[in-house]
Amino acid sequence: MISSFLLLAAAQNTTWYVLPLAGAISLVYSASRYELTERILKRAARLFLTITGFMAGVFVILWLLSANL
């Protein structure tokens, strides 16, 4: 039973941890700069999209560079 759990944990793709991490970073950064809740959420969403877009762009570039290896 423990070995099957370890195999399941090893098969889990850790790339999905990027989304909650980017969300937490966006919220904390925006909350440290602004006071109004509406503005914090709006800026956090914008920063979240910026972070994930940049990381997706880097992923695509690395994927294209490694395709011919």
Protein backbone atom coordinates (compact mmCIF):
# COMPACT_ATOMS: atom_id res chain seq x y z
CA MET A 1 0.00 0.00 0.00
CA ILE A 2 2.78 2.44 0.86
CA SER A 3 4.72 1.51 -2.28
CA SER A 4 1.68 2.22 -4.49
CA PHE A 5 1.30 5.62 -2.83
CA LEU A 6 4.99 6.38 -3.47
CA LEU A 7 4.61 5.37 -7.11
CA LEU A 8 1.58 7.63 -7.44
CA ALA A 9 3.46 10.51 -5.82
CA ALA A 10 6.44 9.96 -8.11
CA ALA A 11 4.19 9.97 -11.18
CA GLN A 12 2.58 13.28 -10.17
CA ASN A 13 3.69 16.09 -12.46
CA THR A 14 5.11 18.86 -10.29
CA THR A 15 4.61 21.44 -13.03
CA TRP A 16 1.06 22.02 -11.77
CA TYR A 17 2.47 23.51 -8.57
CA VAL A 18 3.35 26.59 -10.63
CA LEU A 19 -0.25 27.83 -10.75
CA PRO A 20 -0.93 28.12 -6.99
CA LEU A 21 2.59 29.42 -6.44
CA ALA A 22 2.12 32.16 -9.04
CA GLY A 23 -1.27 32.98 -7.52
CA ALA A 24 0.16 33.29 -4.02
CA ILE A 25 3.06 35.44 -5.22
CA SER A 26 0.68 37.70 -7.13
CA LEU A 27 -1.65 38.18 -4.17
CA VAL A 28 1.12 38.85 -1.64
CA TYR A 29 2.94 41.27 -3.94
CA SER A 30 -0.25 43.15 -4.80
CA ALA A 31 -1.39 43.28 -1.17
CA SER A 32 1.93 44.78 -0.14
CA ARG A 33 1.54 47.59 -2.68
CA TYR A 34 -2.16 48.48 -2.57
CA GLU A 35 -4.83 48.89 0.12
CA LEU A 36 -8.16 48.56 -1.68
CA THR A 37 -9.38 44.98 -2.06
CA GLU A 38 -10.72 45.54 -5.58
CA ARG A 39 -7.40 46.98 -6.75
CA ILE A 40 -5.43 44.18 -5.06
CA LEU A 41 -7.47 41.51 -6.84
CA LYS A 42 -7.32 43.29 -10.20
CA ARG A 43 -3.54 43.76 -10.03
CA ALA A 44 -3.02 40.23 -8.70
CA ALA A 45 -4.96 38.76 -11.63
CA ARG A 46 -2.94 40.84 -14.07
CA LEU A 47 0.36 39.83 -12.44
CA PHE A 48 -0.75 36.17 -12.38
CA LEU A 49 -1.39 36.28 -16.12
CA THR A 50 1.95 37.98 -16.70
CA ILE A 51 3.85 35.38 -14.68
CA THR A 52 2.11 32.39 -16.27
CA GLY A 53 2.41 33.90 -19.76
CA PHE A 54 6.12 34.47 -19.32
CA MET A 55 6.64 30.96 -17.99
CA ALA A 56 4.60 29.48 -20.84
CA GLY A 57 6.72 31.41 -23.32
CA VAL A 58 9.93 30.12 -21.77
CA PHE A 59 8.49 26.60 -21.81
CA VAL A 60 7.67 26.84 -25.53
CA ILE A 61 11.14 28.18 -26.35
CA LEU A 62 12.83 25.39 -24.39
CA TRP A 63 10.53 22.80 -25.94
CA LEU A 64 11.36 24.01 -29.44
CA LEU A 65 15.08 24.04 -28.72
CA SER A 66 15.00 20.51 -27.33
CA ALA A 67 12.84 19.06 -30.11
CA ASN A 68 15.83 18.36 -32.35
CA LEU A 69 18.00 16.72 -29.71
